[in-house]
Amino acid sequence: MSVELSGMKTSRETAAKSFNGYIMLLVLVAVLAVLAFLIPGMVPADGSPKIAKLAFAGTLVLSLIGVLILASGFFMIQPNQAAVITLFGEYKGSERTEGLRWVWPWMGKNKISARAHNIHSERVKINDLRGNPIEIACNVVWRVRDTAQASFDVDDYKEFVNIQIEAGLRTVGSRHPYDDFEGEEVTLRGGAEVVNRELLEELNDRLQVAGVVVDEAGLTHLAYASEIASAMLKRQQADAIIAARAKIVLGAVGMVEDALTKLSQDNIVELDDERRAAMVSNLLVVLCGEKDAHPVVNAGSIY
């Protein structure tokens, strides 16, 4: 379920126009060198007119302002980092070029990390598809793909990610039962590949409004809630026993059928219906019994 933000302008990242910071650094050094050379020669003598002194002071102030403007426009971009550039609240683009960059000092520079973030969610208690309370947690790897959306379309994109991870985890967790011994449904415990894929798609759908993409998502904790854990353990054991016994009986029936067919085809022994039923009963007891059978040797005729 994607988040609908009707009536709000959707931002899109564009490239910012900034200057090479190393070139601007050379310009700043050149300006300082020129000022250092010129200013000492411009100092008015003691008997100079007042207008000359005012002109020198004005020149000095303007030079200082120019140097401050040049010096305050520098900023650094590290690998997998971006700077959102604004001018009096208007978005002017995002700078992703690594190294030293320069823009006019009255332009805002908000740095955003585009690196991968790893979040291990808190354990949350939800109800699975059958209404059983369970505890579930997940691990999510995410990163910012669109810096404009992350900056302007949500108030706090990191908090938004945390909340949507919990919401997505609850949504996906409630779609499937915790377990199913009949193997007819995708379960949280047995269908990890399907559940993790659904969680990844759910989170990407929810977080696209914030310009965030999820690269990996998977369950890290899954258990029945403490109040029903003991009862569900007994149910699991009972279901497991029933499933195992059903499989044993099915296999035993097949083995008895094969044995009777082989005896009949090879003419080893001829059995009437009553003795055939007795043999079937004895074979099933031997094959399905939980303890080893103790054979009884019959030295006489079976008739």
C-alpha atoms as a PDB file:
ATOM      1  CA  MET A   1       0.000   0.000   0.000  1.00  0.00           C
ATOM      2  CA  SER A   2       1.677   3.201  -1.135  1.00  0.00           C
ATOM      3  CA  VAL A   3       1.281   6.450   0.741  1.00  0.00           C
ATOM      4  CA  GLU A   4      -0.929   8.918  -1.101  1.00  0.00           C
ATOM      5  CA  LEU A   5      -0.051  12.590  -0.620  1.00  0.00           C
ATOM      6  CA  SER A   6      -2.826  14.360  -2.495  1.00  0.00           C
ATOM      7  CA  GLY A   7      -2.643  18.121  -2.863  1.00  0.00           C
ATOM      8  CA  MET A   8       1.098  18.252  -2.220  1.00  0.00           C
ATOM      9  CA  LYS A   9       3.762  19.132  -4.757  1.00  0.00           C
ATOM     10  CA  THR A  10       6.034  16.188  -5.492  1.00  0.00           C
ATOM     11  CA  SER A  11       9.704  17.112  -5.669  1.00  0.00           C
ATOM     12  CA  ARG A  12      12.201  15.639  -8.128  1.00  0.00           C
ATOM     13  CA  GLU A  13      15.956  15.740  -7.839  1.00  0.00           C
ATOM     14  CA  THR A  14      17.841  17.853 -10.400  1.00  0.00           C
ATOM     15  CA  ALA A  15      21.534  18.649 -10.773  1.00  0.00           C
ATOM     16  CA  ALA A  16      22.728  21.806  -9.040  1.00  0.00           C
ATOM     17  CA  LYS A  17      24.957  24.426 -10.637  1.00  0.00           C
ATOM     18  CA  SER A  18      28.016  24.870  -8.489  1.00  0.00           C
ATOM     19  CA  PHE A  19      31.629  25.836  -9.166  1.00  0.00           C
ATOM     20  CA  ASN A  20      34.833  23.873  -8.836  1.00  0.00           C
ATOM     21  CA  GLY A  21      36.044  24.591  -5.323  1.00  0.00           C
ATOM     22  CA  TYR A  22      39.725  24.204  -6.162  1.00  0.00           C
ATOM     23  CA  ILE A  23      39.547  26.908  -8.821  1.00  0.00           C
ATOM     24  CA  MET A  24      37.679  29.210  -6.456  1.00  0.00           C
ATOM     25  CA  LEU A  25      40.306  28.491  -3.797  1.00  0.00           C
ATOM     26  CA  LEU A  26      42.997  29.685  -6.212  1.00  0.00           C
ATOM     27  CA  VAL A  27      40.919  32.793  -6.885  1.00  0.00           C
ATOM     28  CA  LEU A  28      40.682  33.454  -3.135  1.00  0.00           C
ATOM     29  CA  VAL A  29      44.427  33.051  -2.714  1.00  0.00           C
ATOM     30  CA  ALA A  30      45.047  35.382  -5.661  1.00  0.00           C
ATOM     31  CA  VAL A  31      42.716  38.011  -4.222  1.00  0.00           C
ATOM     32  CA  LEU A  32      44.433  37.823  -0.842  1.00  0.00           C
ATOM     33  CA  ALA A  33      47.835  38.159  -2.518  1.00  0.00           C
ATOM     34  CA  VAL A  34      46.715  41.212  -4.504  1.00  0.00           C
ATOM     35  CA  LEU A  35      45.229  42.847  -1.409  1.00  0.00           C
ATOM     36  CA  ALA A  36      48.380  42.132   0.574  1.00  0.00           C
ATOM     37  CA  PHE A  37      50.393  43.836  -2.151  1.00  0.00           C
ATOM     38  CA  LEU A  38      48.123  46.832  -2.745  1.00  0.00           C
ATOM     39  CA  ILE A  39      46.795  47.744   0.696  1.00  0.00           C
ATOM     40  CA  PRO A  40      50.135  48.743   2.282  1.00  0.00           C
ATOM     41  CA  GLY A  41      50.695  51.216  -0.558  1.00  0.00           C
ATOM     42  CA  MET A  42      47.211  52.687  -0.156  1.00  0.00           C
ATOM     43  CA  VAL A  43      47.606  53.613   3.493  1.00  0.00           C
ATOM     44  CA  PRO A  44      47.193  57.410   3.680  1.00  0.00           C
ATOM     45  CA  ALA A  45      49.890  59.501   5.299  1.00  0.00           C
ATOM     46  CA  ASP A  46      49.308  61.383   8.510  1.00  0.00           C
ATOM     47  CA  GLY A  47      48.663  64.669   6.735  1.00  0.00           C
ATOM     48  CA  SER A  48      46.351  63.233   4.081  1.00  0.00           C
ATOM     49  CA  PRO A  49      42.876  64.719   3.586  1.00  0.00           C
ATOM     50  CA  LYS A  50      39.967  63.169   5.416  1.00  0.00           C
ATOM     51  CA  ILE A  51      38.419  62.023   2.132  1.00  0.00           C
ATOM     52  CA  ALA A  52      41.496  59.929   1.393  1.00  0.00           C
ATOM     53  CA  LYS A  53      41.267  58.240   4.757  1.00  0.00           C
ATOM     54  CA  LEU A  54      37.564  57.496   4.199  1.00  0.00           C
ATOM     55  CA  ALA A  55      38.303  56.090   0.753  1.00  0.00           C
ATOM     56  CA  PHE A  56      40.972  53.817   2.190  1.00  0.00           C
ATOM     57  CA  ALA A  57      38.612  52.628   4.943  1.00  0.00           C
ATOM     58  CA  GLY A  58      35.852  51.961   2.396  1.00  0.00           C
ATOM     59  CA  THR A  59      38.235  50.034   0.156  1.00  0.00           C
ATOM     60  CA  LEU A  60      39.409  47.985   3.124  1.00  0.00           C
ATOM     61  CA  VAL A  61      35.847  47.140   4.181  1.00  0.00           C
ATOM     62  CA  LEU A  62      34.817  46.174   0.643  1.00  0.00           C
ATOM     63  CA  SER A  63      37.904  43.994   0.287  1.00  0.00           C
ATOM     64  CA  LEU A  64      37.134  42.269   3.562  1.00  0.00           C
ATOM     65  CA  ILE A  65      33.516  41.657   2.497  1.00  0.00           C
ATOM     66  CA  GLY A  66      34.695  40.221  -0.836  1.00  0.00           C
ATOM     67  CA  VAL A  67      37.117  37.872   0.907  1.00  0.00           C
ATOM     68  CA  LEU A  68      34.401  36.719   3.324  1.00  0.00           C
ATOM     69  CA  ILE A  69      32.010  36.071   0.434  1.00  0.00           C
ATOM     70  CA  LEU A  70      34.593  33.966  -1.347  1.00  0.00           C
ATOM     71  CA  ALA A  71      35.611  32.102   1.802  1.00  0.00           C
ATOM     72  CA  SER A  72      32.095  31.266   3.009  1.00  0.00           C
ATOM     73  CA  GLY A  73      30.951  29.638  -0.234  1.00  0.00           C
ATOM     74  CA  PHE A  74      33.074  26.487   0.059  1.00  0.00           C
ATOM     75  CA  PHE A  75      31.667  23.090   0.989  1.00  0.00           C
ATOM     76  CA  MET A  76      32.899  19.500   0.730  1.00  0.00           C
ATOM     77  CA  ILE A  77      31.131  16.522  -0.855  1.00  0.00           C
ATOM     78  CA  GLN A  78      32.271  13.050   0.173  1.00  0.00           C
ATOM     79  CA  PRO A  79      31.624   9.824  -1.789  1.00  0.00           C
ATOM     80  CA  ASN A  80      27.950   8.771  -1.673  1.00  0.00           C
ATOM     81  CA  GLN A  81      26.915  12.140  -0.287  1.00  0.00           C
ATOM     82  CA  ALA A  82      24.819  14.941  -1.748  1.00  0.00           C
ATOM     83  CA  ALA A  83      24.135  18.575  -0.908  1.00  0.00           C
ATOM     84  CA  VAL A  84      20.668  20.021  -1.463  1.00  0.00           C
ATOM     85  CA  ILE A  85      21.085  23.620  -2.687  1.00  0.00           C
ATOM     86  CA  THR A  86      18.355  26.180  -1.997  1.00  0.00           C
ATOM     87  CA  LEU A  87      18.035  29.904  -2.628  1.00  0.00           C
ATOM     88  CA  PHE A  88      15.765  31.632  -0.120  1.00  0.00           C
ATOM     89  CA  GLY A  89      13.681  28.457   0.175  1.00  0.00           C
ATOM     90  CA  GLU A  90      13.598  27.636  -3.544  1.00  0.00           C
ATOM     91  CA  TYR A  91      15.123  24.324  -4.564  1.00  0.00           C
ATOM     92  CA  LYS A  92      18.025  24.840  -6.968  1.00  0.00           C
ATOM     93  CA  GLY A  93      19.259  21.273  -7.346  1.00  0.00           C
ATOM     94  CA  SER A  94      21.390  18.661  -5.630  1.00  0.00           C
ATOM     95  CA  GLU A  95      25.154  18.508  -5.918  1.00  0.00           C
ATOM     96  CA  ARG A  96      26.660  14.989  -5.995  1.00  0.00           C
ATOM     97  CA  THR A  97      30.096  15.803  -7.456  1.00  0.00           C
ATOM     98  CA  GLU A  98      32.759  14.677  -5.010  1.00  0.00           C
ATOM     99  CA  GLY A  99      35.404  17.040  -3.698  1.00  0.00           C
ATOM    100  CA  LEU A 100      35.549  20.742  -2.934  1.00  0.00           C
ATOM    101  CA  ARG A 101      32.673  22.783  -4.385  1.00  0.00           C
ATOM    102  CA  TRP A 102      31.647  26.444  -4.193  1.00  0.00           C
ATOM    103  CA  VAL A 103      28.325  28.295  -4.393  1.00  0.00           C
ATOM    104  CA  TRP A 104      27.240  31.774  -3.427  1.00  0.00           C
ATOM    105  CA  PRO A 105      27.200  32.057   0.358  1.00  0.00           C
ATOM    106  CA  TRP A 106      23.534  33.098   0.524  1.00  0.00           C
ATOM    107  CA  MET A 107      22.526  29.756  -0.963  1.00  0.00           C
ATOM    108  CA  GLY A 108      21.608  27.020   1.534  1.00  0.00           C
ATOM    109  CA  LYS A 109      23.590  23.779   1.556  1.00  0.00           C
ATOM    110  CA  ASN A 110      21.925  20.813   3.310  1.00  0.00           C
ATOM    111  CA  LYS A 111      24.014  17.661   3.139  1.00  0.00           C
ATOM    112  CA  ILE A 112      22.270  14.266   2.881  1.00  0.00           C
ATOM    113  CA  SER A 113      23.940  10.878   3.013  1.00  0.00           C
ATOM    114  CA  ALA A 114      23.222   8.597   0.045  1.00  0.00           C
ATOM    115  CA  ARG A 115      25.002   5.677   1.680  1.00  0.00           C
ATOM    116  CA  ALA A 116      23.328   2.420   2.647  1.00  0.00           C
ATOM    117  CA  HIS A 117      21.680   2.432   6.084  1.00  0.00           C
ATOM    118  CA  ASN A 118      21.059  -0.720   8.083  1.00  0.00           C
ATOM    119  CA  ILE A 119      18.112  -0.896  10.492  1.00  0.00           C
ATOM    120  CA  HIS A 120      17.213  -3.775  12.780  1.00  0.00           C
ATOM    121  CA  SER A 121      13.609  -3.167  13.762  1.00  0.00           C
ATOM    122  CA  GLU A 122      12.166  -3.627  17.209  1.00  0.00           C
ATOM    123  CA  ARG A 123      10.150  -6.763  17.918  1.00  0.00           C
ATOM    124  CA  VAL A 124       6.480  -6.039  17.312  1.00  0.00           C
ATOM    125  CA  LYS A 125       3.497  -8.135  18.335  1.00  0.00           C
ATOM    126  CA  ILE A 126       0.954  -8.812  15.600  1.00  0.00           C
ATOM    127  CA  ASN A 127      -1.719 -11.368  14.719  1.00  0.00           C
ATOM    128  CA  ASP A 128      -0.984 -13.746  11.871  1.00  0.00           C
ATOM    129  CA  LEU A 129      -3.528 -14.789   9.242  1.00  0.00           C
ATOM    130  CA  ARG A 130      -5.211 -17.205  11.689  1.00  0.00           C
ATOM    131  CA  GLY A 131      -5.354 -14.672  14.505  1.00  0.00           C
ATOM    132  CA  ASN A 132      -2.485 -16.103  16.550  1.00  0.00           C
ATOM    133  CA  PRO A 133      -0.407 -13.449  18.346  1.00  0.00           C
ATOM    134  CA  ILE A 134       3.231 -13.589  17.252  1.00  0.00           C
ATOM    135  CA  GLU A 135       6.404 -11.561  17.723  1.00  0.00           C
ATOM    136  CA  ILE A 136       8.239 -10.526  14.582  1.00  0.00           C
ATOM    137  CA  ALA A 137      11.225  -8.351  13.645  1.00  0.00           C
ATOM    138  CA  CYS A 138      13.168  -7.625  10.481  1.00  0.00           C
ATOM    139  CA  ASN A 139      16.394  -6.179   9.135  1.00  0.00           C
ATOM    140  CA  VAL A 140      16.244  -3.543   6.372  1.00  0.00           C
ATOM    141  CA  VAL A 141      18.988  -2.034   4.201  1.00  0.00           C
ATOM    142  CA  TRP A 142      17.906   1.271   2.654  1.00  0.00           C
ATOM    143  CA  ARG A 143      19.377   4.388   1.056  1.00  0.00           C
ATOM    144  CA  VAL A 144      18.248   7.772  -0.244  1.00  0.00           C
ATOM    145  CA  ARG A 145      17.714   7.752  -4.006  1.00  0.00           C
ATOM    146  CA  ASP A 146      16.063  11.162  -4.498  1.00  0.00           C
ATOM    147  CA  THR A 147      17.470  13.842  -2.196  1.00  0.00           C
ATOM    148  CA  ALA A 148      14.784  16.377  -3.149  1.00  0.00           C
ATOM    149  CA  GLN A 149      11.961  14.087  -2.046  1.00  0.00           C
ATOM    150  CA  ALA A 150      13.794  13.165   1.157  1.00  0.00           C
ATOM    151  CA  SER A 151      14.279  16.852   1.985  1.00  0.00           C
ATOM    152  CA  PHE A 152      10.982  18.413   0.954  1.00  0.00           C
ATOM    153  CA  ASP A 153       8.272  15.730   0.636  1.00  0.00           C
ATOM    154  CA  VAL A 154       8.495  14.353   4.193  1.00  0.00           C
ATOM    155  CA  ASP A 155       9.231  16.160   7.429  1.00  0.00           C
ATOM    156  CA  ASP A 156      11.920  13.806   8.771  1.00  0.00           C
ATOM    157  CA  TYR A 157      12.817  11.091   6.285  1.00  0.00           C
ATOM    158  CA  LYS A 158      14.717   8.941   8.819  1.00  0.00           C
ATOM    159  CA  GLU A 159      11.792   8.875  11.235  1.00  0.00           C
ATOM    160  CA  PHE A 160       9.464   8.281   8.301  1.00  0.00           C
ATOM    161  CA  VAL A 161      11.527   5.228   7.304  1.00  0.00           C
ATOM    162  CA  ASN A 162      11.424   3.805  10.838  1.00  0.00           C
ATOM    163  CA  ILE A 163       7.643   4.140  11.096  1.00  0.00           C
ATOM    164  CA  GLN A 164       6.980   2.712   7.634  1.00  0.00           C
ATOM    165  CA  ILE A 165       9.225  -0.286   8.318  1.00  0.00           C
ATOM    166  CA  GLU A 166       7.087  -1.200  11.325  1.00  0.00           C
ATOM    167  CA  ALA A 167       3.874  -0.606   9.353  1.00  0.00           C
ATOM    168  CA  GLY A 168       5.085  -2.708   6.428  1.00  0.00           C
ATOM    169  CA  LEU A 169       6.196  -5.488   8.762  1.00  0.00           C
ATOM    170  CA  ARG A 170       2.748  -5.593  10.363  1.00  0.00           C
ATOM    171  CA  THR A 171       1.052  -5.685   6.961  1.00  0.00           C
ATOM    172  CA  VAL A 172       3.141  -8.536   5.564  1.00  0.00           C
ATOM    173  CA  GLY A 173       3.086 -10.495   8.829  1.00  0.00           C
ATOM    174  CA  SER A 174      -0.712 -10.519   8.918  1.00  0.00           C
ATOM    175  CA  ARG A 175      -0.994 -11.944   5.394  1.00  0.00           C
ATOM    176  CA  HIS A 176       0.321 -15.410   6.250  1.00  0.00           C
ATOM    177  CA  PRO A 177      -0.078 -17.970   9.032  1.00  0.00           C
ATOM    178  CA  TYR A 178       2.824 -18.692  11.326  1.00  0.00           C
ATOM    179  CA  ASP A 179       2.910 -22.375  10.351  1.00  0.00           C
ATOM    180  CA  ASP A 180       0.968 -24.925   8.292  1.00  0.00           C
ATOM    181  CA  PHE A 181       1.856 -28.609   8.529  1.00  0.00           C
ATOM    182  CA  GLU A 182      -0.385 -29.474   5.589  1.00  0.00           C
ATOM    183  CA  GLY A 183       1.866 -27.429   3.314  1.00  0.00           C
ATOM    184  CA  GLU A 184      -1.037 -25.782   1.509  1.00  0.00           C
ATOM    185  CA  GLU A 185      -0.194 -22.166   2.373  1.00  0.00           C
ATOM    186  CA  VAL A 186       2.869 -19.921   2.377  1.00  0.00           C
ATOM    187  CA  THR A 187       3.846 -19.543   6.017  1.00  0.00           C
ATOM    188  CA  LEU A 188       6.002 -17.064   7.863  1.00  0.00           C
ATOM    189  CA  ARG A 189       8.206 -19.849   9.179  1.00  0.00           C
ATOM    190  CA  GLY A 190       8.516 -21.944   6.041  1.00  0.00           C
ATOM    191  CA  GLY A 191       8.146 -19.411   3.217  1.00  0.00           C
ATOM    192  CA  ALA A 192      11.038 -17.085   4.012  1.00  0.00           C
ATOM    193  CA  GLU A 193      11.843 -16.353   0.365  1.00  0.00           C
ATOM    194  CA  VAL A 194       8.265 -15.359  -0.478  1.00  0.00           C
ATOM    195  CA  VAL A 195       7.742 -13.379   2.739  1.00  0.00           C
ATOM    196  CA  ASN A 196      11.028 -11.471   2.364  1.00  0.00           C
ATOM    197  CA  ARG A 197      10.179 -10.584  -1.228  1.00  0.00           C
ATOM    198  CA  GLU A 198       6.744  -9.319  -0.200  1.00  0.00           C
ATOM    199  CA  LEU A 199       8.311  -7.271   2.597  1.00  0.00           C
ATOM    200  CA  LEU A 200      10.807  -5.734   0.162  1.00  0.00           C
ATOM    201  CA  GLU A 201       8.043  -4.785  -2.295  1.00  0.00           C
ATOM    202  CA  GLU A 202       5.816  -3.446   0.476  1.00  0.00           C
ATOM    203  CA  LEU A 203       8.543  -1.208   1.902  1.00  0.00           C
ATOM    204  CA  ASN A 204       9.605   0.122  -1.506  1.00  0.00           C
ATOM    205  CA  ASP A 205       5.977   0.961  -2.241  1.00  0.00           C
ATOM    206  CA  ARG A 206       5.599   2.803   1.053  1.00  0.00           C
ATOM    207  CA  LEU A 207       8.938   4.654   0.977  1.00  0.00           C
ATOM    208  CA  GLN A 208       8.935   5.870  -2.607  1.00  0.00           C
ATOM    209  CA  VAL A 209       7.218   9.085  -1.475  1.00  0.00           C
ATOM    210  CA  ALA A 210      10.329   9.905   0.582  1.00  0.00           C
ATOM    211  CA  GLY A 211      12.764   9.173  -2.246  1.00  0.00           C
ATOM    212  CA  VAL A 212      14.053   6.118  -0.377  1.00  0.00           C
ATOM    213  CA  VAL A 213      14.766   2.712  -1.924  1.00  0.00           C
ATOM    214  CA  VAL A 214      15.082  -0.547   0.038  1.00  0.00           C
ATOM    215  CA  ASP A 215      17.811  -2.865  -1.247  1.00  0.00           C
ATOM    216  CA  GLU A 216      17.284  -5.741   1.172  1.00  0.00           C
ATOM    217  CA  ALA A 217      14.664  -6.785   3.721  1.00  0.00           C
ATOM    218  CA  GLY A 218      14.253  -9.987   5.687  1.00  0.00           C
ATOM    219  CA  LEU A 219      12.798 -11.396   8.892  1.00  0.00           C
ATOM    220  CA  THR A 220      15.271 -11.795  11.752  1.00  0.00           C
ATOM    221  CA  HIS A 221      12.935 -12.889  14.551  1.00  0.00           C
ATOM    222  CA  LEU A 222       9.759 -14.947  14.477  1.00  0.00           C
ATOM    223  CA  ALA A 223       8.065 -16.579  17.469  1.00  0.00           C
ATOM    224  CA  TYR A 224       4.684 -17.053  19.075  1.00  0.00           C
ATOM    225  CA  ALA A 225       3.815 -14.484  21.729  1.00  0.00           C
ATOM    226  CA  SER A 226       4.702 -15.537  25.259  1.00  0.00           C
ATOM    227  CA  GLU A 227       1.076 -15.902  26.374  1.00  0.00           C
ATOM    228  CA  ILE A 228       0.366 -18.686  23.869  1.00  0.00           C
ATOM    229  CA  ALA A 229       3.850 -20.059  23.258  1.00  0.00           C
ATOM    230  CA  SER A 230       3.349 -23.111  25.501  1.00  0.00           C
ATOM    231  CA  ALA A 231      -0.052 -23.987  24.040  1.00  0.00           C
ATOM    232  CA  MET A 232       1.142 -23.504  20.468  1.00  0.00           C
ATOM    233  CA  LEU A 233       4.192 -25.668  21.176  1.00  0.00           C
ATOM    234  CA  LYS A 234       1.896 -28.512  22.215  1.00  0.00           C
ATOM    235  CA  ARG A 235      -0.208 -27.909  19.110  1.00  0.00           C
ATOM    236  CA  GLN A 236       2.904 -27.955  16.936  1.00  0.00           C
ATOM    237  CA  GLN A 237       4.008 -31.205  18.538  1.00  0.00           C
ATOM    238  CA  ALA A 238       0.556 -32.750  18.039  1.00  0.00           C
ATOM    239  CA  ASP A 239       0.398 -31.589  14.427  1.00  0.00           C
ATOM    240  CA  ALA A 240       3.895 -32.922  13.829  1.00  0.00           C
ATOM    241  CA  ILE A 241       3.005 -36.302  15.343  1.00  0.00           C
ATOM    242  CA  ILE A 242      -0.189 -36.538  13.293  1.00  0.00           C
ATOM    243  CA  ALA A 243       1.627 -35.574  10.101  1.00  0.00           C
ATOM    244  CA  ALA A 244       4.409 -38.092  10.812  1.00  0.00           C
ATOM    245  CA  ARG A 245       2.010 -40.916  11.646  1.00  0.00           C
ATOM    246  CA  ALA A 246      -0.058 -40.213   8.539  1.00  0.00           C
ATOM    247  CA  LYS A 247       3.062 -40.458   6.414  1.00  0.00           C
ATOM    248  CA  ILE A 248       4.124 -43.671   8.135  1.00  0.00           C
ATOM    249  CA  VAL A 249       0.703 -45.250   7.617  1.00  0.00           C
ATOM    250  CA  LEU A 250       0.637 -44.193   3.972  1.00  0.00           C
ATOM    251  CA  GLY A 251       4.043 -45.746   3.420  1.00  0.00           C
ATOM    252  CA  ALA A 252       3.117 -48.917   5.307  1.00  0.00           C
ATOM    253  CA  VAL A 253      -0.003 -49.409   3.199  1.00  0.00           C
ATOM    254  CA  GLY A 254       2.107 -49.133   0.065  1.00  0.00           C
ATOM    255  CA  MET A 255       4.634 -51.658   1.403  1.00  0.00           C
ATOM    256  CA  VAL A 256       1.878 -54.158   2.357  1.00  0.00           C
ATOM    257  CA  GLU A 257       0.304 -53.785  -1.065  1.00  0.00           C
ATOM    258  CA  ASP A 258       3.648 -54.446  -2.754  1.00  0.00           C
ATOM    259  CA  ALA A 259       4.288 -57.474  -0.518  1.00  0.00           C
ATOM    260  CA  LEU A 260       0.919 -59.086  -1.255  1.00  0.00           C
ATOM    261  CA  THR A 261       1.312 -58.421  -4.965  1.00  0.00           C
ATOM    262  CA  LYS A 262       4.795 -59.970  -5.008  1.00  0.00           C
ATOM    263  CA  LEU A 263       3.621 -63.059  -3.099  1.00  0.00           C
ATOM    264  CA  SER A 264       0.744 -63.532  -5.516  1.00  0.00           C
ATOM    265  CA  GLN A 265       2.799 -62.964  -8.681  1.00  0.00           C
ATOM    266  CA  ASP A 266       5.587 -65.386  -7.656  1.00  0.00           C
ATOM    267  CA  ASN A 267       3.123 -68.026  -6.404  1.00  0.00           C
ATOM    268  CA  ILE A 268       4.971 -68.184  -3.103  1.00  0.00           C
ATOM    269  CA  VAL A 269       1.862 -68.761  -1.032  1.00  0.00           C
ATOM    270  CA  GLU A 270      -1.885 -68.747  -1.652  1.00  0.00           C
ATOM    271  CA  LEU A 271      -3.916 -66.844   0.913  1.00  0.00           C
ATOM    272  CA  ASP A 272      -7.639 -66.724   1.290  1.00  0.00           C
ATOM    273  CA  ASP A 273      -9.397 -63.483   2.247  1.00  0.00           C
ATOM    274  CA  GLU A 274      -9.301 -64.213   5.986  1.00  0.00           C
ATOM    275  CA  ARG A 275      -5.580 -64.982   6.092  1.00  0.00           C
ATOM    276  CA  ARG A 276      -4.849 -62.108   3.717  1.00  0.00           C
ATOM    277  CA  ALA A 277      -6.624 -59.764   6.142  1.00  0.00           C
ATOM    278  CA  ALA A 278      -4.633 -61.246   9.032  1.00  0.00           C
ATOM    279  CA  MET A 279      -1.350 -60.730   7.181  1.00  0.00           C
ATOM    280  CA  VAL A 280      -2.287 -57.146   6.346  1.00  0.00           C
ATOM    281  CA  SER A 281      -3.111 -56.506   9.994  1.00  0.00           C
ATOM    282  CA  ASN A 282       0.144 -58.030  11.213  1.00  0.00           C
ATOM    283  CA  LEU A 283       2.262 -56.177   8.670  1.00  0.00           C
ATOM    284  CA  LEU A 284       0.633 -52.850   9.511  1.00  0.00           C
ATOM    285  CA  VAL A 285       1.229 -53.437  13.225  1.00  0.00           C
ATOM    286  CA  VAL A 286       4.893 -54.195  12.555  1.00  0.00           C
ATOM    287  CA  LEU A 287       5.419 -51.275  10.173  1.00  0.00           C
ATOM    288  CA  CYS A 288       3.406 -48.653  12.078  1.00  0.00           C
ATOM    289  CA  GLY A 289       4.328 -49.644  15.620  1.00  0.00           C
ATOM    290  CA  GLU A 290       6.540 -47.319  17.646  1.00  0.00           C
ATOM    291  CA  LYS A 291       8.433 -50.247  19.205  1.00  0.00           C
ATOM    292  CA  ASP A 292      10.321 -53.066  17.562  1.00  0.00           C
ATOM    293  CA  ALA A 293       8.190 -56.139  16.844  1.00  0.00           C
ATOM    294  CA  HIS A 294       9.000 -59.497  18.499  1.00  0.00           C
ATOM    295  CA  PRO A 295       8.500 -62.227  15.871  1.00  0.00           C
ATOM    296  CA  VAL A 296       6.801 -65.502  16.698  1.00  0.00           C
ATOM    297  CA  VAL A 297       8.105 -68.533  14.765  1.00  0.00           C
ATOM    298  CA  ASN A 298       5.322 -70.911  13.677  1.00  0.00           C
ATOM    299  CA  ALA A 299       6.740 -74.397  13.165  1.00  0.00           C
ATOM    300  CA  GLY A 300       3.472 -75.913  11.986  1.00  0.00           C
ATOM    301  CA  SER A 301       1.307 -75.409   8.959  1.00  0.00           C
ATOM    302  CA  ILE A 302      -0.311 -72.097   8.437  1.00  0.00           C
ATOM    303  CA  TYR A 303      -3.513 -74.005   7.725  1.00  0.00           C
END
